[in-house]
N, C-alpha and C. Protein backbone atom coordinates (compact mmCIF):
# COMPACT_ATOMS: atom_id res chain seq x y z
N UNK A 1 5.10 20.26 -18.26
CA UNK A 1 6.29 20.42 -18.94
C UNK A 1 7.10 21.50 -18.07
N UNK A 2 7.94 21.13 -17.36
CA UNK A 2 9.05 22.58 -16.44
C UNK A 2 9.06 23.34 -17.47
N UNK A 3 9.16 24.58 -17.01
CA UNK A 3 9.56 25.63 -18.47
C UNK A 3 10.97 25.92 -17.90
N UNK A 4 11.46 25.84 -16.61
CA UNK A 4 12.41 26.10 -15.87
C UNK A 4 13.50 25.48 -16.26
N UNK A 5 13.72 24.12 -16.72
CA UNK A 5 14.33 23.38 -16.86
C UNK A 5 14.42 22.68 -19.00
N UNK A 6 14.37 23.47 -19.31
CA UNK A 6 14.08 23.23 -20.81
C UNK A 6 15.40 22.05 -21.09
N UNK A 7 15.48 21.29 -22.17
CA UNK A 7 16.49 20.61 -22.66
C UNK A 7 17.13 21.12 -23.61
N UNK A 8 18.57 20.71 -23.61
CA UNK A 8 19.68 21.13 -25.03
C UNK A 8 19.63 20.54 -26.12
N UNK A 9 19.89 21.28 -26.77
CA UNK A 9 20.00 20.16 -28.57
C UNK A 9 20.91 19.16 -27.96
N UNK A 10 20.53 18.06 -28.32
CA UNK A 10 21.34 16.77 -28.40
C UNK A 10 22.77 16.81 -29.39
N UNK A 11 23.49 16.16 -29.18
CA UNK A 11 24.92 16.08 -29.87
C UNK A 11 24.89 14.73 -30.34
N UNK A 12 24.46 14.13 -31.71
CA UNK A 12 24.52 12.93 -31.95
C UNK A 12 25.77 12.16 -32.70
N UNK A 13 26.82 13.30 -32.81
CA UNK A 13 27.31 12.79 -32.88
C UNK A 13 28.42 11.55 -32.42
N UNK A 14 28.41 10.52 -33.35
CA UNK A 14 29.16 8.97 -32.66
C UNK A 14 28.21 8.30 -32.08
N UNK A 15 26.74 8.94 -31.86
CA UNK A 15 25.80 8.05 -31.72
C UNK A 15 24.76 7.96 -32.47
N UNK A 16 24.05 6.88 -32.14
CA UNK A 16 22.80 6.59 -33.51
C UNK A 16 21.33 7.50 -32.47
N UNK A 17 20.90 8.50 -33.40
CA UNK A 17 20.52 10.03 -33.08
C UNK A 17 19.04 9.14 -31.70
N UNK A 18 18.05 8.02 -32.14
CA UNK A 18 17.26 7.78 -31.84
C UNK A 18 17.59 6.85 -30.58
N UNK A 19 18.90 6.39 -30.12
CA UNK A 19 19.54 6.34 -29.27
C UNK A 19 19.87 7.41 -28.12
N UNK A 20 20.36 8.40 -28.50
CA UNK A 20 20.80 9.44 -28.07
C UNK A 20 19.29 10.13 -27.41
N UNK A 21 18.00 10.40 -28.30
CA UNK A 21 17.15 10.77 -27.22
C UNK A 21 16.73 9.57 -26.30
N UNK A 22 16.93 8.97 -26.61
CA UNK A 22 16.14 7.97 -25.86
C UNK A 22 16.94 8.08 -24.28
N UNK A 23 18.43 8.22 -24.43
CA UNK A 23 19.10 8.44 -23.34
C UNK A 23 18.83 10.01 -22.31
N UNK A 24 18.85 10.43 -23.31
CA UNK A 24 18.56 12.01 -22.50
C UNK A 24 17.01 12.08 -22.26
N UNK A 25 16.07 11.51 -22.06
CA UNK A 25 14.87 11.43 -22.05
C UNK A 25 14.85 10.67 -20.75
N UNK A 26 15.31 9.55 -20.74
CA UNK A 26 15.60 8.29 -19.67
C UNK A 26 15.94 9.03 -18.51
N UNK A 27 17.14 9.96 -18.71
CA UNK A 27 17.80 10.77 -17.92
C UNK A 27 16.80 11.60 -17.36
N UNK A 28 16.49 12.29 -17.92
CA UNK A 28 15.20 13.51 -17.44
C UNK A 28 14.54 12.86 -16.50
N UNK A 29 13.67 11.86 -16.82
CA UNK A 29 12.90 11.33 -15.85
C UNK A 29 13.23 10.82 -14.67
N UNK A 30 14.93 10.58 -14.48
CA UNK A 30 15.23 9.92 -13.52
C UNK A 30 15.82 11.25 -12.75
N UNK A 31 15.87 12.18 -13.08
CA UNK A 31 16.69 13.00 -12.50
C UNK A 31 15.15 14.36 -12.22
N UNK A 32 14.08 14.13 -12.74
CA UNK A 32 13.06 14.57 -12.29
C UNK A 32 12.56 15.73 -13.40
N UNK A 33 13.52 16.18 -14.54
CA UNK A 33 12.95 17.28 -15.28
C UNK A 33 11.59 16.80 -15.77
N UNK A 34 11.44 15.38 -16.37
CA UNK A 34 10.06 15.07 -16.35
C UNK A 34 9.68 14.37 -15.20
N UNK A 35 8.79 14.82 -14.43
CA UNK A 35 8.32 14.41 -13.19
C UNK A 35 7.15 13.23 -13.31
N UNK A 36 6.60 12.42 -12.68
CA UNK A 36 5.96 11.56 -12.17
C UNK A 36 4.90 11.75 -12.82
N UNK A 37 3.93 11.49 -13.43
CA UNK A 37 2.27 12.01 -13.96
C UNK A 37 2.45 13.27 -15.16
N UNK A 38 3.69 13.55 -15.51
CA UNK A 38 3.66 15.05 -16.09
C UNK A 38 3.50 14.18 -17.39
N UNK A 39 2.68 14.92 -18.47
CA UNK A 39 2.49 14.43 -19.76
C UNK A 39 3.23 15.42 -20.70
N UNK A 40 3.79 14.42 -21.26
CA UNK A 40 4.78 15.18 -22.21
C UNK A 40 4.39 14.76 -24.06
N UNK A 41 5.07 15.91 -24.49
CA UNK A 41 4.48 15.75 -26.12
C UNK A 41 5.76 15.93 -27.18
N UNK A 42 5.29 15.30 -28.16
CA UNK A 42 6.53 14.71 -29.19
C UNK A 42 7.01 15.93 -29.61
N UNK A 43 6.07 16.89 -29.81
CA UNK A 43 6.47 18.10 -30.72
C UNK A 43 6.98 19.14 -29.82
N UNK A 44 6.94 19.29 -28.63
CA UNK A 44 7.65 20.24 -27.31
C UNK A 44 8.90 19.51 -27.62
N UNK A 45 9.46 18.30 -27.26
CA UNK A 45 10.87 17.54 -26.93
C UNK A 45 11.30 17.42 -28.29
N UNK A 46 10.63 17.57 -29.32
CA UNK A 46 11.63 17.83 -30.64
C UNK A 46 12.22 18.99 -31.14
N UNK A 47 11.22 19.64 -30.61
CA UNK A 47 11.96 21.67 -30.63
C UNK A 47 12.72 21.36 -29.73
N UNK A 48 12.37 21.43 -28.58
CA UNK A 48 13.68 21.73 -27.15
C UNK A 48 15.33 20.82 -27.50
N UNK A 49 14.82 19.42 -27.94
CA UNK A 49 15.97 19.04 -28.29
C UNK A 49 16.45 18.72 -29.93
N UNK A 50 15.94 19.55 -31.00
CA UNK A 50 16.39 19.78 -31.85
C UNK A 50 16.68 19.28 -32.60
N UNK A 51 15.22 18.34 -32.79
CA UNK A 51 15.41 17.02 -33.85
C UNK A 51 13.99 16.88 -34.27
N UNK A 52 13.99 15.44 -35.55
CA UNK A 52 12.77 15.90 -35.57
C UNK A 52 11.70 14.87 -34.26
N UNK A 53 10.44 15.01 -35.08
CA UNK A 53 9.76 13.88 -33.73
C UNK A 53 10.16 12.75 -34.42
N UNK A 54 10.62 12.13 -35.27
CA UNK A 54 10.14 10.42 -35.07
C UNK A 54 11.94 10.21 -34.32
N UNK A 55 13.00 10.82 -33.97
CA UNK A 55 12.94 9.65 -32.75
C UNK A 55 12.62 10.07 -31.64
N UNK A 56 11.84 11.24 -31.70
CA UNK A 56 11.39 11.22 -29.96
C UNK A 56 10.25 10.60 -30.08
N UNK A 57 9.59 10.04 -30.86
CA UNK A 57 8.38 9.18 -30.62
C UNK A 57 8.72 7.57 -30.86
N UNK A 58 10.12 7.37 -31.47
CA UNK A 58 10.72 6.16 -31.15
C UNK A 58 11.57 5.89 -29.47
N UNK A 59 11.50 6.84 -29.21
CA UNK A 59 12.23 7.01 -27.57
C UNK A 59 10.88 7.04 -26.72
N UNK A 60 9.70 7.61 -26.85
CA UNK A 60 8.99 7.54 -26.36
C UNK A 60 8.38 6.02 -26.32
N UNK A 61 7.98 5.03 -27.33
CA UNK A 61 8.28 4.01 -27.13
C UNK A 61 8.62 3.01 -26.39
N UNK A 62 10.09 3.11 -26.88
CA UNK A 62 10.70 2.43 -25.65
C UNK A 62 10.43 2.49 -24.04
N UNK A 63 10.39 3.67 -24.11
CA UNK A 63 10.49 4.36 -22.49
C UNK A 63 8.67 3.68 -22.38
N UNK A 64 8.08 3.90 -23.06
CA UNK A 64 6.80 3.38 -22.92
C UNK A 64 6.70 1.25 -22.72
N UNK A 65 7.75 1.03 -23.51
CA UNK A 65 7.89 -0.66 -23.26
C UNK A 65 8.33 -1.13 -21.80
N UNK A 66 9.21 -0.31 -21.37
CA UNK A 66 9.87 -0.38 -19.94
C UNK A 66 9.21 -0.04 -19.31
N UNK A 67 7.84 0.76 -19.30
CA UNK A 67 7.31 1.14 -17.94
C UNK A 67 7.62 2.64 -17.50
N UNK A 68 8.15 3.22 -18.61
CA UNK A 68 8.46 4.71 -17.60
C UNK A 68 7.57 5.84 -18.27
N UNK A 69 7.14 5.37 -19.65
CA UNK A 69 5.73 6.62 -19.81
C UNK A 69 3.98 5.54 -20.02
N UNK A 70 3.56 6.38 -20.10
CA UNK A 70 1.98 5.35 -20.50
C UNK A 70 1.98 6.54 -21.56
N UNK A 71 1.06 5.73 -22.49
CA UNK A 71 0.44 6.28 -23.63
C UNK A 71 -1.51 6.05 -23.45
N UNK A 72 -2.34 7.25 -23.74
CA UNK A 72 -3.85 6.81 -23.72
C UNK A 72 -4.06 7.24 -25.50
N UNK A 73 -4.17 6.30 -26.32
CA UNK A 73 -4.22 6.43 -27.66
C UNK A 73 -4.86 7.46 -28.31
N UNK A 74 -4.42 9.00 -28.49
CA UNK A 74 -5.17 9.91 -29.22
C UNK A 74 -5.65 10.81 -28.01
N UNK A 75 -5.03 10.38 -26.63
CA UNK A 75 -5.15 11.10 -25.81
C UNK A 75 -3.98 12.14 -24.91
N UNK A 76 -3.29 11.21 -24.33
CA UNK A 76 -1.96 11.90 -24.05
C UNK A 76 -0.95 10.89 -23.45
N UNK A 77 0.01 11.50 -23.61
CA UNK A 77 1.51 10.24 -23.18
C UNK A 77 1.56 10.77 -21.75
N UNK A 78 2.29 10.34 -21.01
CA UNK A 78 2.55 10.93 -19.53
C UNK A 78 3.41 9.33 -18.84
N UNK A 79 4.47 10.19 -17.94
CA UNK A 79 5.37 9.55 -17.54
C UNK A 79 4.87 9.17 -16.01
N UNK A 80 5.27 7.76 -16.47
CA UNK A 80 4.33 6.82 -15.11
C UNK A 80 4.70 7.09 -13.96
N UNK A 81 3.79 7.01 -12.76
CA UNK A 81 3.54 7.03 -11.40
C UNK A 81 4.41 5.63 -10.88
N UNK A 82 5.65 5.22 -10.24
CA UNK A 82 5.62 4.13 -9.70
C UNK A 82 4.82 3.82 -8.40
N UNK A 83 4.23 1.92 -8.58
CA UNK A 83 3.70 2.18 -7.40
C UNK A 83 4.65 1.11 -6.70
N UNK A 84 3.73 0.43 -5.02
CA UNK A 84 4.97 -0.31 -4.27
C UNK A 84 4.91 -1.59 -5.23
N UNK A 85 3.55 -2.12 -5.95
CA UNK A 85 3.66 -3.32 -6.71
C UNK A 85 5.31 -3.25 -7.61
N UNK A 86 5.26 -2.01 -8.30
CA UNK A 86 6.33 -2.48 -9.39
C UNK A 86 7.77 -1.95 -9.05
N UNK A 87 7.76 -1.52 -7.12
CA UNK A 87 8.95 -1.47 -6.58
C UNK A 87 9.39 -2.77 -6.33
N UNK A 88 8.37 -3.41 -6.20
CA UNK A 88 8.63 -4.84 -5.22
C UNK A 88 8.93 -5.87 -6.26
N UNK A 89 8.41 -5.69 -7.23
CA UNK A 89 8.87 -6.46 -8.80
C UNK A 89 9.83 -6.29 -9.20
N UNK A 90 10.30 -5.11 -9.24
CA UNK A 90 11.77 -4.61 -9.65
C UNK A 90 12.67 -4.99 -8.89
N UNK A 91 12.47 -5.38 -7.51
CA UNK A 91 13.83 -5.80 -6.67
C UNK A 91 13.32 -7.14 -6.86
N UNK A 92 12.89 -8.33 -6.80
CA UNK A 92 12.51 -9.95 -7.05
C UNK A 92 12.80 -9.71 -8.48
N UNK A 93 13.06 -8.79 -9.15
CA UNK A 93 13.57 -9.13 -10.77
C UNK A 93 14.80 -9.29 -10.74
N UNK A 94 15.46 -8.32 -10.00
CA UNK A 94 16.68 -7.97 -9.93
C UNK A 94 17.81 -8.82 -9.20
N UNK A 95 17.08 -9.57 -8.10
CA UNK A 95 17.85 -10.33 -7.45
C UNK A 95 17.89 -11.59 -7.88
N UNK A 96 16.81 -12.31 -8.33
CA UNK A 96 16.79 -13.34 -9.29
C UNK A 96 17.49 -13.67 -10.91
N UNK A 97 17.40 -12.27 -11.53
CA UNK A 97 18.14 -12.04 -12.62
C UNK A 97 19.59 -12.31 -12.15
N UNK A 98 20.28 -11.27 -11.21
CA UNK A 98 21.30 -11.15 -10.50
C UNK A 98 22.13 -12.47 -10.27
N UNK A 99 21.22 -13.09 -9.53
CA UNK A 99 21.37 -14.76 -8.91
C UNK A 99 22.20 -16.10 -10.22
N UNK A 100 20.92 -15.47 -11.59
CA UNK A 100 21.64 -16.25 -12.31
C UNK A 100 22.70 -15.49 -13.27
N UNK A 101 22.87 -14.63 -13.05
CA UNK A 101 23.78 -14.02 -14.12
C UNK A 101 25.47 -14.28 -13.26
N UNK A 102 25.47 -14.14 -11.97
CA UNK A 102 26.42 -14.65 -11.02
C UNK A 102 26.70 -16.34 -10.97
N UNK A 103 25.23 -16.99 -11.06
CA UNK A 103 26.16 -18.49 -11.57
C UNK A 103 26.81 -18.71 -12.87
N UNK A 104 26.22 -17.34 -13.97
CA UNK A 104 26.94 -17.89 -15.39
C UNK A 104 28.46 -17.65 -15.17
N UNK A 105 28.45 -16.57 -14.45
CA UNK A 105 29.59 -15.95 -14.60
C UNK A 105 30.78 -16.69 -13.98
N UNK A 106 30.49 -17.44 -13.06
CA UNK A 106 31.46 -17.85 -12.34
C UNK A 106 32.24 -19.02 -13.09
N UNK A 107 32.14 -19.57 -14.70
CA UNK A 107 32.76 -20.48 -14.72
C UNK A 107 33.12 -19.99 -16.22
N UNK A 108 32.77 -18.44 -16.47
CA UNK A 108 33.06 -17.68 -17.56
C UNK A 108 34.16 -16.82 -17.49
N UNK A 109 33.96 -15.69 -16.40
CA UNK A 109 34.65 -14.82 -15.99
C UNK A 109 36.45 -15.35 -16.29
N UNK A 110 37.13 -14.38 -16.80
CA UNK A 110 38.83 -14.61 -16.44
C UNK A 110 38.98 -13.99 -15.31
N UNK A 111 40.40 -14.44 -15.58
CA UNK A 111 40.97 -13.47 -14.08
C UNK A 111 41.32 -12.36 -12.95
N UNK A 112 41.00 -11.82 -14.60
CA UNK A 112 41.02 -9.91 -14.84
C UNK A 112 39.40 -9.63 -14.21
N UNK A 113 38.28 -10.28 -15.25
CA UNK A 113 37.59 -10.05 -14.61
C UNK A 113 37.12 -10.28 -13.38
N UNK A 114 37.12 -11.22 -12.87
CA UNK A 114 36.77 -11.77 -11.65
C UNK A 114 37.58 -11.10 -10.58
N UNK A 115 38.99 -10.81 -10.87
CA UNK A 115 39.12 -9.50 -9.75
C UNK A 115 38.39 -7.99 -9.96
N UNK A 116 37.97 -7.87 -11.11
CA UNK A 116 37.21 -6.45 -11.11
C UNK A 116 35.94 -6.60 -9.87
N UNK A 117 35.47 -7.88 -10.32
CA UNK A 117 34.26 -8.39 -9.18
C UNK A 117 34.28 -8.31 -7.96
N UNK A 118 35.81 -8.86 -7.52
CA UNK A 118 35.60 -8.88 -6.23
C UNK A 118 36.29 -7.37 -5.66
N UNK A 119 36.61 -6.68 -6.47
CA UNK A 119 36.61 -5.54 -6.20
C UNK A 119 35.46 -4.19 -5.69
N UNK A 120 34.27 -5.17 -6.71
CA UNK A 120 33.26 -4.26 -6.52
C UNK A 120 32.34 -4.64 -4.88
N UNK A 121 33.18 -6.23 -5.10
CA UNK A 121 32.33 -7.06 -3.29
C UNK A 121 32.90 -6.15 -2.23
N UNK A 122 34.36 -5.68 -2.37
CA UNK A 122 34.91 -4.98 -1.33
C UNK A 122 34.13 -3.65 -1.24
N UNK A 123 34.10 -3.23 -2.38
CA UNK A 123 33.11 -1.66 -1.83
C UNK A 123 31.81 -2.14 -1.54
N UNK A 124 31.01 -3.41 -1.63
CA UNK A 124 29.77 -3.58 -1.00
C UNK A 124 30.20 -3.51 0.35
N UNK A 125 31.39 -4.39 0.90
CA UNK A 125 31.78 -4.77 1.84
C UNK A 125 31.62 -3.38 2.88
N UNK A 126 32.32 -2.89 2.48
CA UNK A 126 32.79 -1.19 3.36
C UNK A 126 32.07 -0.85 2.90
N UNK A 127 30.63 -0.10 2.35
CA UNK A 127 29.59 0.46 2.54
C UNK A 127 28.48 -0.31 3.15
N UNK A 128 28.55 -1.89 3.58
CA UNK A 128 27.34 -2.46 4.18
C UNK A 128 28.04 -1.88 5.61
N UNK A 129 29.50 -1.62 6.35
CA UNK A 129 30.16 -1.99 7.61
C UNK A 129 29.92 -0.33 7.71
N UNK A 130 29.66 0.53 6.63
CA UNK A 130 29.48 2.00 7.37
C UNK A 130 27.94 1.83 7.53
N UNK A 131 27.34 1.43 6.71
CA UNK A 131 25.61 1.32 6.91
C UNK A 131 25.57 2.65 5.71
N UNK A 132 26.54 2.65 4.52
CA UNK A 132 26.18 3.82 3.61
C UNK A 132 24.76 3.16 2.23
N UNK A 133 23.75 3.04 2.91
CA UNK A 133 22.94 2.58 1.86
C UNK A 133 22.89 3.11 0.42
N UNK A 134 23.03 4.45 -0.02
CA UNK A 134 23.64 4.77 -1.12
C UNK A 134 24.61 4.33 -1.99
N UNK A 135 26.13 4.17 -1.42
CA UNK A 135 27.08 3.74 -1.35
C UNK A 135 27.05 2.29 -1.81
N UNK A 136 26.34 1.50 -1.10
CA UNK A 136 25.98 0.19 -1.39
C UNK A 136 24.95 -0.43 -2.46
N UNK A 137 23.90 0.06 -2.82
CA UNK A 137 23.01 0.18 -4.03
C UNK A 137 24.14 0.60 -5.28
N UNK A 138 24.93 1.34 -5.25
CA UNK A 138 25.73 1.71 -6.50
C UNK A 138 26.49 0.49 -6.72
N UNK A 139 27.50 0.28 -5.50
CA UNK A 139 28.36 -1.16 -5.91
C UNK A 139 27.90 -1.90 -6.37
N UNK A 140 26.71 -2.36 -5.81
CA UNK A 140 25.51 -3.56 -5.98
C UNK A 140 25.63 -3.27 -7.62
N UNK A 141 24.90 -2.24 -8.17
CA UNK A 141 24.39 -1.90 -9.08
C UNK A 141 25.75 -2.21 -10.43
N UNK A 142 26.38 -1.55 -10.11
CA UNK A 142 28.23 -1.66 -10.90
C UNK A 142 28.35 -2.78 -10.73
N UNK A 143 28.49 -3.58 -10.08
CA UNK A 143 28.49 -5.59 -10.00
C UNK A 143 27.31 -6.12 -10.55
N UNK A 144 26.65 -5.63 -10.70
CA UNK A 144 25.46 -6.62 -11.37
C UNK A 144 25.78 -6.56 -13.39
N UNK A 145 26.42 -5.22 -13.13
CA UNK A 145 26.53 -4.82 -14.34
C UNK A 145 27.50 -5.57 -15.00
N UNK A 146 28.60 -5.72 -14.42
CA UNK A 146 29.69 -6.15 -14.86
C UNK A 146 29.97 -7.87 -14.67
N UNK A 147 28.70 -8.07 -14.07
CA UNK A 147 28.73 -9.80 -13.66
C UNK A 147 27.70 -10.26 -15.46
N UNK A 148 26.60 -9.05 -15.50
CA UNK A 148 25.84 -9.07 -16.80
C UNK A 148 26.70 -9.29 -18.08
N UNK A 149 27.77 -8.59 -17.98
CA UNK A 149 28.70 -8.51 -19.29
C UNK A 149 29.56 -9.58 -19.44
N UNK A 150 30.06 -10.20 -18.19
CA UNK A 150 30.62 -11.10 -17.73
C UNK A 150 30.12 -12.56 -18.53
N UNK A 151 28.74 -12.75 -18.12
CA UNK A 151 28.41 -13.99 -18.93
C UNK A 151 28.47 -14.36 -20.25
N UNK A 152 28.42 -13.36 -21.00
CA UNK A 152 28.50 -13.50 -22.69
C UNK A 152 26.98 -13.34 -23.07
N UNK A 153 26.16 -13.79 -22.18
CA UNK A 153 24.65 -13.99 -22.47
C UNK A 153 24.24 -12.81 -23.41
N UNK A 154 23.86 -12.36 -24.86
CA UNK A 154 23.55 -11.29 -25.37
C UNK A 154 22.54 -10.90 -24.55
N UNK A 155 21.42 -12.09 -24.94
CA UNK A 155 19.91 -11.42 -24.37
C UNK A 155 19.88 -11.10 -22.92
N UNK A 156 20.70 -11.76 -22.20
CA UNK A 156 20.73 -11.08 -20.77
C UNK A 156 21.71 -9.77 -20.93
N UNK A 157 22.57 -9.46 -21.67
CA UNK A 157 22.92 -7.70 -21.68
C UNK A 157 21.67 -7.01 -22.78
N UNK A 158 21.25 -7.02 -23.42
CA UNK A 158 19.88 -6.83 -23.89
C UNK A 158 18.67 -6.18 -23.15
N UNK A 159 18.37 -7.44 -21.84
CA UNK A 159 17.54 -6.73 -21.50
C UNK A 159 17.82 -5.67 -20.29
N UNK A 160 19.08 -5.45 -19.64
CA UNK A 160 19.71 -4.73 -19.32
C UNK A 160 19.77 -3.60 -19.59
N UNK A 161 20.32 -3.47 -20.94
CA UNK A 161 20.07 -2.07 -21.06
C UNK A 161 19.15 -1.64 -22.18
N UNK A 162 17.55 -2.60 -22.30
CA UNK A 162 17.15 -2.29 -22.71
C UNK A 162 15.83 -1.16 -21.45
N UNK A 163 15.96 -1.94 -20.11
CA UNK A 163 15.44 -1.82 -18.93
C UNK A 163 16.23 -1.28 -17.98
N UNK A 164 17.40 -0.25 -18.51
CA UNK A 164 18.08 0.15 -17.42
C UNK A 164 17.84 1.08 -16.60
N UNK A 165 16.55 2.23 -17.32
CA UNK A 165 16.36 2.97 -16.44
C UNK A 165 15.01 2.83 -15.89
N UNK A 166 14.63 1.70 -16.25
CA UNK A 166 13.46 1.57 -15.36
C UNK A 166 13.94 0.67 -13.88
N UNK A 167 14.82 0.05 -14.14
CA UNK A 167 15.68 -0.76 -12.97
C UNK A 167 16.15 0.64 -12.19
N UNK A 168 16.68 1.34 -12.76
CA UNK A 168 17.78 2.54 -12.12
C UNK A 168 16.32 3.43 -11.38
N UNK A 169 15.61 4.02 -11.81
CA UNK A 169 14.08 4.50 -11.30
C UNK A 169 13.42 3.95 -10.07
N UNK A 170 13.23 2.45 -10.36
CA UNK A 170 12.52 1.66 -9.14
C UNK A 170 13.05 1.11 -8.29
N UNK A 171 14.36 1.39 -8.10
CA UNK A 171 15.12 0.86 -7.14
C UNK A 171 15.85 2.07 -6.32
N UNK A 172 15.21 3.42 -6.67
CA UNK A 172 15.33 4.15 -5.54
C UNK A 172 14.86 4.36 -4.45
N UNK A 173 15.33 4.91 -3.50
CA UNK A 173 15.00 4.56 -1.96
C UNK A 173 15.19 3.28 -1.55
N UNK A 174 15.85 2.24 -2.64
CA UNK A 174 15.86 1.09 -1.84
C UNK A 174 17.02 0.79 -0.51
N UNK A 175 16.40 -0.18 0.39
CA UNK A 175 17.26 -0.47 1.41
C UNK A 175 17.47 -2.14 1.66
N UNK A 176 18.82 -2.53 2.00
CA UNK A 176 18.56 -3.34 2.33
C UNK A 176 18.15 -4.14 2.98
N UNK A 177 17.69 -5.77 2.69
CA UNK A 177 16.50 -6.50 3.96
C UNK A 177 17.29 -7.01 4.73
N UNK A 178 18.56 -7.34 5.42
CA UNK A 178 19.06 -7.39 6.57
C UNK A 178 19.56 -5.71 7.26
N UNK A 179 19.00 -5.68 8.57
CA UNK A 179 18.87 -4.25 9.11
C UNK A 179 20.55 -4.05 9.57
N UNK A 180 20.83 -5.06 10.13
CA UNK A 180 21.94 -4.87 11.27
C UNK A 180 23.18 -5.17 10.42
N UNK A 181 24.21 -4.24 10.30
CA UNK A 181 24.73 -3.40 9.51
C UNK A 181 25.98 -4.98 9.57
N UNK A 182 26.05 -5.53 10.91
CA UNK A 182 27.64 -6.65 11.27
C UNK A 182 26.96 -7.62 10.14
N UNK A 183 25.70 -8.17 10.63
CA UNK A 183 24.86 -9.28 10.42
C UNK A 183 25.06 -9.43 8.07
N UNK A 184 24.59 -8.04 7.84
CA UNK A 184 24.78 -7.81 6.84
C UNK A 184 26.07 -7.92 5.90
N UNK A 185 26.96 -7.59 6.72
CA UNK A 185 28.62 -7.66 6.15
C UNK A 185 29.06 -8.36 6.24
N UNK A 186 28.69 -9.77 7.35
CA UNK A 186 29.18 -10.84 7.17
C UNK A 186 28.34 -11.62 6.02
N UNK A 187 27.56 -11.57 5.69
CA UNK A 187 26.76 -12.41 4.54
C UNK A 187 27.41 -11.98 3.13
N UNK A 188 28.18 -10.66 2.91
CA UNK A 188 28.68 -9.91 1.79
C UNK A 188 30.06 -10.62 2.02
N UNK A 189 30.47 -10.73 3.22
CA UNK A 189 31.86 -11.99 3.47
C UNK A 189 32.16 -13.16 2.71
N UNK A 190 30.99 -13.73 2.80
CA UNK A 190 30.40 -15.02 2.69
C UNK A 190 30.53 -15.15 1.08
N UNK A 191 29.79 -14.23 0.52
CA UNK A 191 29.35 -13.81 -0.75
C UNK A 191 30.44 -14.21 -1.30
N UNK A 192 31.76 -12.91 -0.98
CA UNK A 192 32.85 -12.73 -1.39
C UNK A 192 33.31 -14.08 -1.68
N UNK A 193 33.41 -14.99 -0.64
CA UNK A 193 34.05 -15.96 -1.24
C UNK A 193 33.53 -17.01 -1.76
N UNK A 194 31.96 -16.98 -2.14
CA UNK A 194 31.93 -17.86 -3.06
C UNK A 194 32.26 -17.86 -4.30
N UNK A 195 32.16 -16.18 -4.73
CA UNK A 195 32.50 -15.78 -5.80
C UNK A 195 34.13 -15.82 -6.29
N UNK A 196 34.64 -15.47 -5.15
CA UNK A 196 36.47 -15.46 -5.61
C UNK A 196 36.48 -17.44 -5.77
N UNK A 197 35.54 -18.31 -4.99
CA UNK A 197 35.67 -19.69 -5.90
C UNK A 197 35.53 -20.09 -6.14
N UNK A 198 34.50 -19.06 -7.47
CA UNK A 198 33.56 -19.29 -8.59
C UNK A 198 32.76 -20.45 -8.49
N UNK A 199 32.43 -20.73 -7.19
CA UNK A 199 30.85 -21.35 -6.39
C UNK A 199 29.89 -20.99 -6.85
N UNK A 200 29.56 -20.93 -7.87
CA UNK A 200 28.02 -20.14 -8.47
C UNK A 200 27.16 -20.50 -7.80
N UNK A 201 26.80 -21.54 -7.54
CA UNK A 201 25.66 -22.34 -6.78
C UNK A 201 25.56 -21.52 -5.23
N UNK A 202 26.37 -21.51 -4.61
CA UNK A 202 26.55 -21.07 -3.45
C UNK A 202 26.57 -19.39 -3.39
N UNK A 203 27.10 -18.81 -4.50
CA UNK A 203 26.94 -17.61 -4.26
C UNK A 203 25.02 -16.83 -4.51
N UNK A 204 24.72 -17.81 -5.63
CA UNK A 204 23.43 -17.18 -5.96
C UNK A 204 22.92 -17.39 -4.71
N UNK A 205 22.87 -18.66 -3.71
CA UNK A 205 21.96 -19.38 -2.42
C UNK A 205 22.24 -17.91 -1.48
N UNK A 206 23.14 -17.64 -1.34
CA UNK A 206 23.93 -16.07 -0.08
C UNK A 206 23.05 -15.09 -0.84
N UNK A 207 23.53 -14.85 -2.17
CA UNK A 207 22.69 -13.47 -2.87
C UNK A 207 20.86 -13.85 -2.37
N UNK A 208 20.39 -14.34 -2.52
CA UNK A 208 19.03 -14.83 -2.40
C UNK A 208 18.76 -14.57 -0.82
N UNK A 209 19.17 -14.97 -0.22
CA UNK A 209 19.37 -14.72 1.66
C UNK A 209 19.57 -13.67 2.10
N UNK A 210 20.28 -12.82 0.85
CA UNK A 210 20.44 -11.37 1.51
C UNK A 210 19.60 -10.54 1.02
N UNK A 211 18.70 -10.61 0.38
CA UNK A 211 17.60 -10.28 -0.48
C UNK A 211 16.56 -10.48 0.08
N UNK A 212 16.70 -11.61 1.08
CA UNK A 212 15.07 -12.04 1.45
C UNK A 212 14.43 -12.88 0.35
N UNK A 213 14.95 -13.53 -0.13
CA UNK A 213 14.53 -14.47 -1.21
C UNK A 213 14.84 -15.97 -1.55
N UNK A 214 15.89 -16.33 -0.16
CA UNK A 214 16.29 -17.42 0.26
C UNK A 214 15.59 -18.90 -0.33
């Protein structure tokens, strides 16, 4: 564990301590303070965060379930190293899950929620046209979150919340399936039209085509 970037004690005011520790450790994995393959010790983390070992252990167990941490019983706990198969699986999971969410949201979003979704798609269109791939990913993830909560499906929301850090880590370095920015942008415009018309079937089909899973 790097000694030049220690954690600061958590301030759990207004939050459940275990959730706060989980958030801090998840962000540390994403920003590299806890590097891939690095071994972690609950006693050291607890000391740095100013908490007992219990919430740290709970957080590490949650991170293990989402694939960000690996545990060898009575030997070591370490940050996992993502491989190509995991990155491909995450991409496939996101596309199919987002497609289902878009389909459900089409008939459930109120006018204000739909307007917000269209605003995010407009950001996706602008980023695609400028070939701003980082901006396209950010807007796409914000859209995914918005649509997921518009579905009103608590199970789907739980999955998104529990695996947020894994999804964000495994999508790092993502690039769009359609390389031509004009062709790709036209597909986003078609997608916008389907969402605006509340045509969930068409929106889902276009979404999968955009990502090579049509």
